[in-house]
Amino acid sequence: MPTFAHGEHAVLAGKARYSGTVGLLYLTNKRILFEHEKGLITRSTYVSLDIPLPNVESIILERPRFGLGPLATNLIIMTKRGSMGFGLSRVKISDLATPDVWVTKVNDAISSEVLEPEPNVVLKEEIVKVPCKFCGTLVDPARDTACPNCGAPPFGR
């Protein structure tokens, strides 16, 4: 099982084939990843596919014209251009047991993905002061009803 980031959890997992390698495909609330094992004497686990959900443009099923029917259905993940390297934008996953469920779950995860909260924005209050018509002292017309120096009404009223 892959290591998840803080706040990340598995939504769906299943046996699949990616680039000719059999392994496990995972869908989390933040990404899609493919993990497989290698090695004859000592088995090591590798993650060969890791796509953040914001980089997924669409996900579709591809059924070949001639083949084994529903068993030959491939899951095609289209990513945003340049998000996976040199022009690679189409990822083909095959041998999934329930590809229709994967399409639904991935689309649900993409639509319900919670974006990082925006940082709190602090608005500064801008104070505009105008000079008193009689003595030249700066007066805040929103706060003062008269010039604090000479007592004249703001704007010389």
N, C-alpha and C. Protein backbone atom coordinates (compact mmCIF):
# COMPACT_ATOMS: atom_id res chain seq x y z
N MET A 1 0.85 -1.17 0.00
CA MET A 1 0.00 0.00 0.00
C MET A 1 0.89 1.24 0.00
N PRO A 2 0.53 2.24 -0.82
CA PRO A 2 1.37 3.45 -0.90
C PRO A 2 1.27 4.30 0.37
N THR A 3 2.23 5.18 0.50
CA THR A 3 2.23 6.13 1.60
C THR A 3 1.36 7.31 1.21
N PHE A 4 0.42 7.65 2.06
CA PHE A 4 -0.48 8.76 1.77
C PHE A 4 -0.05 10.01 2.51
N ALA A 5 -0.34 11.15 1.91
CA ALA A 5 -0.05 12.45 2.53
C ALA A 5 -1.09 12.71 3.61
N HIS A 6 -0.84 13.73 4.41
CA HIS A 6 -1.79 14.11 5.46
C HIS A 6 -3.13 14.49 4.83
N GLY A 7 -4.20 13.91 5.31
CA GLY A 7 -5.53 14.20 4.79
C GLY A 7 -5.89 13.41 3.55
N GLU A 8 -5.01 12.52 3.12
CA GLU A 8 -5.28 11.72 1.92
C GLU A 8 -5.73 10.33 2.33
N HIS A 9 -6.73 9.80 1.64
CA HIS A 9 -7.20 8.45 1.94
C HIS A 9 -7.60 7.74 0.64
N ALA A 10 -7.55 6.41 0.69
CA ALA A 10 -7.88 5.60 -0.49
C ALA A 10 -9.38 5.61 -0.73
N VAL A 11 -9.76 5.76 -1.98
CA VAL A 11 -11.17 5.71 -2.37
C VAL A 11 -11.46 4.38 -3.05
N LEU A 12 -10.52 3.91 -3.88
CA LEU A 12 -10.72 2.69 -4.65
C LEU A 12 -9.36 2.10 -4.99
N ALA A 13 -9.28 0.77 -5.01
CA ALA A 13 -8.04 0.09 -5.37
C ALA A 13 -8.39 -1.17 -6.15
N GLY A 14 -7.53 -1.54 -7.08
CA GLY A 14 -7.79 -2.76 -7.84
C GLY A 14 -6.59 -3.18 -8.65
N LYS A 15 -6.55 -4.45 -8.99
CA LYS A 15 -5.47 -5.01 -9.80
C LYS A 15 -5.62 -4.48 -11.23
N ALA A 16 -4.49 -4.09 -11.84
CA ALA A 16 -4.53 -3.52 -13.18
C ALA A 16 -3.20 -3.74 -13.88
N ARG A 17 -3.15 -3.34 -15.15
CA ARG A 17 -1.92 -3.42 -15.94
C ARG A 17 -1.65 -2.03 -16.53
N TYR A 18 -0.39 -1.56 -16.33
CA TYR A 18 0.04 -0.28 -16.89
C TYR A 18 1.41 -0.50 -17.53
N SER A 19 1.55 -0.15 -18.78
CA SER A 19 2.79 -0.32 -19.54
C SER A 19 3.32 -1.76 -19.47
N GLY A 20 2.41 -2.71 -19.54
CA GLY A 20 2.80 -4.11 -19.54
C GLY A 20 3.12 -4.69 -18.18
N THR A 21 3.00 -3.90 -17.12
CA THR A 21 3.33 -4.35 -15.77
C THR A 21 2.06 -4.52 -14.97
N VAL A 22 1.93 -5.64 -14.28
CA VAL A 22 0.77 -5.89 -13.42
C VAL A 22 1.06 -5.33 -12.04
N GLY A 23 0.08 -4.65 -11.48
CA GLY A 23 0.23 -4.06 -10.16
C GLY A 23 -1.12 -3.63 -9.63
N LEU A 24 -1.11 -2.69 -8.71
CA LEU A 24 -2.33 -2.17 -8.11
C LEU A 24 -2.52 -0.71 -8.49
N LEU A 25 -3.73 -0.39 -8.91
CA LEU A 25 -4.10 0.98 -9.23
C LEU A 25 -4.88 1.52 -8.05
N TYR A 26 -4.51 2.70 -7.58
CA TYR A 26 -5.17 3.32 -6.44
C TYR A 26 -5.77 4.65 -6.87
N LEU A 27 -6.95 4.92 -6.33
CA LEU A 27 -7.56 6.24 -6.44
C LEU A 27 -7.70 6.76 -5.02
N THR A 28 -7.11 7.93 -4.77
CA THR A 28 -7.28 8.57 -3.47
C THR A 28 -8.09 9.83 -3.67
N ASN A 29 -8.33 10.54 -2.62
CA ASN A 29 -9.06 11.80 -2.75
C ASN A 29 -8.19 12.91 -3.34
N LYS A 30 -6.89 12.61 -3.61
CA LYS A 30 -5.99 13.63 -4.16
C LYS A 30 -5.27 13.21 -5.44
N ARG A 31 -5.17 11.90 -5.73
CA ARG A 31 -4.38 11.48 -6.89
C ARG A 31 -4.75 10.06 -7.33
N ILE A 32 -4.21 9.69 -8.50
CA ILE A 32 -4.30 8.34 -9.04
C ILE A 32 -2.87 7.81 -9.10
N LEU A 33 -2.63 6.60 -8.57
CA LEU A 33 -1.28 6.07 -8.63
C LEU A 33 -1.30 4.57 -8.91
N PHE A 34 -0.23 4.12 -9.55
CA PHE A 34 -0.05 2.72 -9.89
C PHE A 34 1.21 2.23 -9.20
N GLU A 35 1.09 1.12 -8.47
CA GLU A 35 2.19 0.58 -7.69
C GLU A 35 2.41 -0.88 -8.10
N HIS A 36 3.67 -1.27 -8.26
CA HIS A 36 3.98 -2.66 -8.62
C HIS A 36 5.24 -3.11 -7.89
N GLU A 37 5.42 -4.44 -7.87
CA GLU A 37 6.59 -5.01 -7.22
C GLU A 37 7.55 -5.55 -8.26
N LYS A 38 8.85 -5.48 -7.92
CA LYS A 38 9.90 -5.98 -8.80
C LYS A 38 10.93 -6.72 -7.96
N GLY A 39 11.61 -7.64 -8.62
CA GLY A 39 12.72 -8.33 -7.97
C GLY A 39 12.46 -9.81 -7.79
N LEU A 40 13.49 -10.62 -8.01
CA LEU A 40 13.35 -12.05 -7.84
C LEU A 40 13.66 -12.48 -6.41
N ILE A 41 14.77 -12.01 -5.88
CA ILE A 41 15.18 -12.43 -4.54
C ILE A 41 14.57 -11.50 -3.49
N THR A 42 14.77 -10.21 -3.67
CA THR A 42 14.15 -9.25 -2.75
C THR A 42 13.14 -8.43 -3.53
N ARG A 43 11.93 -8.47 -3.09
CA ARG A 43 10.85 -7.74 -3.76
C ARG A 43 10.82 -6.30 -3.25
N SER A 44 10.79 -5.36 -4.18
CA SER A 44 10.69 -3.94 -3.83
C SER A 44 9.45 -3.38 -4.50
N THR A 45 8.83 -2.42 -3.86
CA THR A 45 7.62 -1.81 -4.39
C THR A 45 7.98 -0.48 -5.05
N TYR A 46 7.43 -0.26 -6.23
CA TYR A 46 7.69 0.96 -7.00
C TYR A 46 6.37 1.62 -7.38
N VAL A 47 6.37 2.93 -7.41
CA VAL A 47 5.22 3.69 -7.91
C VAL A 47 5.62 4.20 -9.28
N SER A 48 4.97 3.68 -10.32
CA SER A 48 5.34 4.07 -11.68
C SER A 48 4.38 5.08 -12.29
N LEU A 49 3.31 5.39 -11.61
CA LEU A 49 2.35 6.38 -12.11
C LEU A 49 1.79 7.13 -10.91
N ASP A 50 1.85 8.45 -10.94
CA ASP A 50 1.33 9.28 -9.86
C ASP A 50 0.77 10.55 -10.48
N ILE A 51 -0.55 10.62 -10.60
CA ILE A 51 -1.20 11.77 -11.25
C ILE A 51 -2.07 12.50 -10.23
N PRO A 52 -1.74 13.75 -9.89
CA PRO A 52 -2.63 14.53 -9.03
C PRO A 52 -3.96 14.77 -9.74
N LEU A 53 -5.05 14.72 -9.00
CA LEU A 53 -6.38 14.88 -9.61
C LEU A 53 -6.57 16.20 -10.36
N PRO A 54 -5.97 17.31 -9.91
CA PRO A 54 -6.14 18.54 -10.70
C PRO A 54 -5.54 18.46 -12.10
N ASN A 55 -4.63 17.50 -12.34
CA ASN A 55 -4.02 17.35 -13.65
C ASN A 55 -4.81 16.45 -14.59
N VAL A 56 -5.90 15.84 -14.11
CA VAL A 56 -6.72 14.96 -14.94
C VAL A 56 -7.75 15.80 -15.68
N GLU A 57 -7.69 15.76 -17.01
CA GLU A 57 -8.69 16.47 -17.82
C GLU A 57 -9.95 15.65 -18.00
N SER A 58 -9.78 14.36 -18.33
CA SER A 58 -10.94 13.49 -18.51
C SER A 58 -10.51 12.04 -18.35
N ILE A 59 -11.50 11.20 -18.16
CA ILE A 59 -11.25 9.76 -18.05
C ILE A 59 -12.37 9.06 -18.81
N ILE A 60 -11.98 8.17 -19.69
CA ILE A 60 -12.96 7.49 -20.55
C ILE A 60 -12.64 6.00 -20.64
N LEU A 61 -13.60 5.25 -21.16
CA LEU A 61 -13.39 3.83 -21.44
C LEU A 61 -13.16 3.66 -22.92
N GLU A 62 -12.22 2.82 -23.27
CA GLU A 62 -11.92 2.54 -24.67
C GLU A 62 -12.15 1.04 -24.90
N ARG A 63 -13.08 0.76 -25.77
CA ARG A 63 -13.37 -0.63 -26.12
C ARG A 63 -12.89 -0.88 -27.54
N PRO A 64 -11.99 -1.84 -27.74
CA PRO A 64 -11.51 -2.10 -29.09
C PRO A 64 -12.62 -2.64 -29.98
N ARG A 65 -12.51 -2.38 -31.28
CA ARG A 65 -13.52 -2.86 -32.22
C ARG A 65 -13.54 -4.38 -32.27
N PHE A 66 -12.37 -4.95 -32.29
CA PHE A 66 -12.26 -6.41 -32.33
C PHE A 66 -11.51 -6.84 -31.08
N GLY A 67 -12.05 -7.74 -30.34
CA GLY A 67 -11.34 -8.17 -29.13
C GLY A 67 -12.21 -9.05 -28.28
N LEU A 68 -11.95 -9.01 -27.01
CA LEU A 68 -12.62 -9.91 -26.08
C LEU A 68 -13.84 -9.27 -25.42
N GLY A 69 -14.41 -8.27 -26.03
CA GLY A 69 -15.62 -7.64 -25.47
C GLY A 69 -15.30 -6.83 -24.24
N PRO A 70 -16.11 -6.99 -23.16
CA PRO A 70 -15.89 -6.18 -21.96
C PRO A 70 -14.57 -6.47 -21.26
N LEU A 71 -13.97 -7.65 -21.51
CA LEU A 71 -12.69 -7.96 -20.87
C LEU A 71 -11.55 -7.14 -21.44
N ALA A 72 -11.71 -6.63 -22.65
CA ALA A 72 -10.65 -5.86 -23.30
C ALA A 72 -10.81 -4.36 -23.11
N THR A 73 -11.69 -3.94 -22.23
CA THR A 73 -11.92 -2.52 -22.01
C THR A 73 -10.72 -1.88 -21.31
N ASN A 74 -10.28 -0.76 -21.85
CA ASN A 74 -9.16 -0.01 -21.28
C ASN A 74 -9.66 1.28 -20.66
N LEU A 75 -9.01 1.68 -19.61
CA LEU A 75 -9.30 2.95 -18.95
C LEU A 75 -8.28 3.96 -19.48
N ILE A 76 -8.75 5.05 -20.08
CA ILE A 76 -7.87 6.07 -20.65
C ILE A 76 -7.98 7.33 -19.79
N ILE A 77 -6.84 7.76 -19.25
CA ILE A 77 -6.78 8.97 -18.44
C ILE A 77 -6.10 10.04 -19.28
N MET A 78 -6.82 11.10 -19.58
CA MET A 78 -6.25 12.23 -20.31
C MET A 78 -5.83 13.29 -19.29
N THR A 79 -4.54 13.66 -19.35
CA THR A 79 -4.03 14.66 -18.41
C THR A 79 -3.79 15.98 -19.12
N LYS A 80 -3.64 17.01 -18.33
CA LYS A 80 -3.34 18.33 -18.89
C LYS A 80 -1.98 18.28 -19.57
N ARG A 81 -1.87 18.94 -20.67
CA ARG A 81 -0.63 18.91 -21.46
C ARG A 81 0.56 19.40 -20.63
N GLY A 82 1.62 18.61 -20.63
CA GLY A 82 2.83 18.98 -19.92
C GLY A 82 2.84 18.63 -18.45
N SER A 83 1.75 18.10 -17.91
CA SER A 83 1.71 17.79 -16.49
C SER A 83 2.44 16.49 -16.15
N MET A 84 2.72 15.65 -17.17
CA MET A 84 3.40 14.38 -16.93
C MET A 84 4.72 14.26 -17.67
N GLY A 85 5.24 15.34 -18.13
CA GLY A 85 6.51 15.26 -18.84
C GLY A 85 6.38 15.66 -20.28
N PHE A 86 7.23 15.13 -21.11
CA PHE A 86 7.38 15.55 -22.49
C PHE A 86 6.18 15.17 -23.35
N GLY A 87 5.11 15.91 -23.26
CA GLY A 87 3.96 15.72 -24.13
C GLY A 87 3.09 14.53 -23.82
N LEU A 88 3.45 13.71 -22.83
CA LEU A 88 2.63 12.56 -22.48
C LEU A 88 1.34 13.06 -21.85
N SER A 89 0.22 12.80 -22.50
CA SER A 89 -1.04 13.26 -21.94
C SER A 89 -2.11 12.18 -21.95
N ARG A 90 -1.77 10.98 -22.40
CA ARG A 90 -2.73 9.89 -22.48
C ARG A 90 -2.14 8.68 -21.77
N VAL A 91 -2.82 8.22 -20.73
CA VAL A 91 -2.37 7.08 -19.95
C VAL A 91 -3.39 5.96 -20.13
N LYS A 92 -2.90 4.77 -20.49
CA LYS A 92 -3.78 3.63 -20.73
C LYS A 92 -3.59 2.60 -19.62
N ILE A 93 -4.70 2.28 -18.96
CA ILE A 93 -4.73 1.27 -17.91
C ILE A 93 -5.62 0.14 -18.41
N SER A 94 -5.14 -1.11 -18.31
CA SER A 94 -5.95 -2.23 -18.78
C SER A 94 -6.11 -3.28 -17.69
N ASP A 95 -6.92 -4.27 -17.98
CA ASP A 95 -7.17 -5.41 -17.11
C ASP A 95 -7.80 -5.03 -15.77
N LEU A 96 -8.59 -3.97 -15.74
CA LEU A 96 -9.32 -3.61 -14.52
C LEU A 96 -10.58 -4.47 -14.45
N ALA A 97 -10.95 -4.90 -13.25
CA ALA A 97 -12.12 -5.74 -13.08
C ALA A 97 -13.41 -4.95 -13.34
N THR A 98 -13.48 -3.72 -12.87
CA THR A 98 -14.70 -2.91 -13.02
C THR A 98 -14.35 -1.52 -13.55
N PRO A 99 -14.05 -1.40 -14.84
CA PRO A 99 -13.64 -0.09 -15.37
C PRO A 99 -14.74 0.97 -15.29
N ASP A 100 -16.00 0.56 -15.39
CA ASP A 100 -17.11 1.53 -15.30
C ASP A 100 -17.14 2.19 -13.92
N VAL A 101 -16.88 1.42 -12.89
CA VAL A 101 -16.86 1.96 -11.52
C VAL A 101 -15.71 2.95 -11.38
N TRP A 102 -14.57 2.63 -11.99
CA TRP A 102 -13.42 3.54 -11.92
C TRP A 102 -13.72 4.88 -12.55
N VAL A 103 -14.37 4.88 -13.70
CA VAL A 103 -14.72 6.15 -14.36
C VAL A 103 -15.60 6.99 -13.44
N THR A 104 -16.61 6.36 -12.86
CA THR A 104 -17.53 7.08 -11.97
C THR A 104 -16.81 7.62 -10.74
N LYS A 105 -16.00 6.77 -10.11
CA LYS A 105 -15.31 7.18 -8.87
C LYS A 105 -14.27 8.27 -9.13
N VAL A 106 -13.55 8.17 -10.24
CA VAL A 106 -12.56 9.21 -10.55
C VAL A 106 -13.26 10.53 -10.82
N ASN A 107 -14.33 10.51 -11.59
CA ASN A 107 -15.07 11.75 -11.85
C ASN A 107 -15.65 12.34 -10.57
N ASP A 108 -16.13 11.48 -9.67
CA ASP A 108 -16.63 11.96 -8.37
C ASP A 108 -15.51 12.58 -7.54
N ALA A 109 -14.34 11.93 -7.55
CA ALA A 109 -13.21 12.45 -6.77
C ALA A 109 -12.72 13.78 -7.32
N ILE A 110 -12.73 13.92 -8.65
CA ILE A 110 -12.30 15.18 -9.26
C ILE A 110 -13.27 16.29 -8.90
N SER A 111 -14.58 16.01 -8.97
CA SER A 111 -15.56 17.06 -8.70
C SER A 111 -15.66 17.40 -7.22
N SER A 112 -15.35 16.44 -6.35
CA SER A 112 -15.46 16.73 -4.91
C SER A 112 -14.14 17.07 -4.27
N GLU A 113 -13.07 17.15 -5.07
CA GLU A 113 -11.77 17.47 -4.51
C GLU A 113 -11.80 18.85 -3.88
N VAL A 114 -11.36 18.90 -2.65
CA VAL A 114 -11.35 20.17 -1.93
C VAL A 114 -10.03 20.86 -2.25
N LEU A 115 -10.12 22.05 -2.80
CA LEU A 115 -8.92 22.81 -3.10
C LEU A 115 -8.35 23.40 -1.82
N GLU A 116 -7.08 23.66 -1.85
CA GLU A 116 -6.43 24.28 -0.70
C GLU A 116 -7.11 25.61 -0.41
N PRO A 117 -7.40 25.88 0.88
CA PRO A 117 -8.04 27.15 1.19
C PRO A 117 -7.14 28.33 0.84
N GLU A 118 -7.76 29.37 0.36
CA GLU A 118 -7.00 30.57 0.03
C GLU A 118 -6.53 31.23 1.32
N PRO A 119 -5.38 31.84 1.30
CA PRO A 119 -4.91 32.50 2.51
C PRO A 119 -5.85 33.65 2.88
N ASN A 120 -5.92 33.90 4.19
CA ASN A 120 -6.78 34.99 4.64
C ASN A 120 -6.29 36.31 4.04
N VAL A 121 -7.23 37.07 3.55
CA VAL A 121 -6.91 38.35 2.95
C VAL A 121 -7.26 39.44 3.95
N VAL A 122 -6.30 40.27 4.26
CA VAL A 122 -6.53 41.38 5.18
C VAL A 122 -6.63 42.64 4.36
N LEU A 123 -7.79 43.27 4.44
CA LEU A 123 -7.98 44.52 3.72
C LEU A 123 -7.50 45.67 4.59
N LYS A 124 -6.71 46.53 4.00
CA LYS A 124 -6.25 47.69 4.74
C LYS A 124 -7.27 48.80 4.57
N GLU A 125 -7.48 49.49 5.64
CA GLU A 125 -8.38 50.63 5.59
C GLU A 125 -7.59 51.83 5.10
N GLU A 126 -8.09 52.45 4.07
CA GLU A 126 -7.40 53.61 3.52
C GLU A 126 -8.05 54.87 4.10
N ILE A 127 -7.25 55.69 4.71
CA ILE A 127 -7.76 56.92 5.32
C ILE A 127 -7.37 58.09 4.42
N VAL A 128 -8.37 58.79 3.99
CA VAL A 128 -8.15 59.96 3.14
C VAL A 128 -8.38 61.20 4.00
N LYS A 129 -7.37 62.05 4.01
CA LYS A 129 -7.50 63.30 4.77
C LYS A 129 -7.40 64.47 3.79
N VAL A 130 -8.18 65.47 4.05
CA VAL A 130 -8.19 66.66 3.20
C VAL A 130 -7.77 67.86 4.05
N PRO A 131 -7.09 68.81 3.44
CA PRO A 131 -6.69 69.98 4.22
C PRO A 131 -7.89 70.88 4.54
N CYS A 132 -7.87 71.44 5.75
CA CYS A 132 -8.91 72.38 6.15
C CYS A 132 -8.80 73.63 5.26
N LYS A 133 -9.93 74.13 4.82
CA LYS A 133 -9.96 75.28 3.91
C LYS A 133 -9.44 76.55 4.60
N PHE A 134 -9.52 76.59 5.94
CA PHE A 134 -9.15 77.81 6.65
C PHE A 134 -7.74 77.77 7.22
N CYS A 135 -7.32 76.63 7.84
CA CYS A 135 -6.00 76.62 8.49
C CYS A 135 -5.02 75.64 7.85
N GLY A 136 -5.48 74.72 6.98
CA GLY A 136 -4.59 73.79 6.29
C GLY A 136 -4.30 72.49 7.03
N THR A 137 -4.86 72.33 8.24
CA THR A 137 -4.66 71.09 9.00
C THR A 137 -5.38 69.95 8.27
N LEU A 138 -4.72 68.76 8.23
CA LEU A 138 -5.37 67.61 7.57
C LEU A 138 -6.52 67.09 8.44
N VAL A 139 -7.69 66.93 7.80
CA VAL A 139 -8.92 66.52 8.50
C VAL A 139 -9.44 65.24 7.85
N ASP A 140 -9.86 64.27 8.68
CA ASP A 140 -10.49 63.04 8.18
C ASP A 140 -11.99 63.30 8.10
N PRO A 141 -12.53 63.48 6.88
CA PRO A 141 -13.95 63.83 6.76
C PRO A 141 -14.89 62.71 7.20
N ALA A 142 -14.43 61.45 7.20
CA ALA A 142 -15.30 60.34 7.62
C ALA A 142 -15.41 60.28 9.14
N ARG A 143 -14.42 60.81 9.85
CA ARG A 143 -14.40 60.69 11.30
C ARG A 143 -14.67 62.02 12.01
N ASP A 144 -14.07 63.09 11.50
CA ASP A 144 -14.19 64.40 12.17
C ASP A 144 -15.36 65.19 11.61
N THR A 145 -16.07 65.84 12.51
CA THR A 145 -17.18 66.71 12.08
C THR A 145 -16.72 68.16 11.96
N ALA A 146 -15.55 68.44 12.52
CA ALA A 146 -14.99 69.78 12.44
C ALA A 146 -13.47 69.68 12.48
N CYS A 147 -12.78 70.73 12.03
CA CYS A 147 -11.33 70.74 12.04
C CYS A 147 -10.86 70.70 13.50
N PRO A 148 -9.95 69.77 13.84
CA PRO A 148 -9.49 69.70 15.23
C PRO A 148 -8.66 70.92 15.64
N ASN A 149 -8.16 71.70 14.68
CA ASN A 149 -7.32 72.84 15.00
C ASN A 149 -8.13 74.12 15.16
N CYS A 150 -8.96 74.44 14.13
CA CYS A 150 -9.67 75.73 14.18
C CYS A 150 -11.17 75.57 14.40
N GLY A 151 -11.71 74.37 14.32
CA GLY A 151 -13.14 74.16 14.57
C GLY A 151 -14.03 74.40 13.37
N ALA A 152 -13.47 74.68 12.22
CA ALA A 152 -14.27 74.92 11.01
C ALA A 152 -14.87 73.61 10.50
N PRO A 153 -16.04 73.68 9.87
CA PRO A 153 -16.65 72.45 9.33
C PRO A 153 -15.77 71.90 8.18
N PRO A 154 -15.78 70.55 7.99
CA PRO A 154 -14.96 69.99 6.90
C PRO A 154 -15.37 70.55 5.55
N PHE A 155 -14.45 70.68 4.69
CA PHE A 155 -14.64 71.18 3.34
C PHE A 155 -15.14 72.61 3.33
N GLY A 156 -15.01 73.30 4.44
CA GLY A 156 -15.38 74.71 4.50
C GLY A 156 -16.86 74.96 4.35
N ARG A 157 -17.68 74.08 4.88
CA ARG A 157 -19.15 74.24 4.77
C ARG A 157 -19.67 75.31 5.64
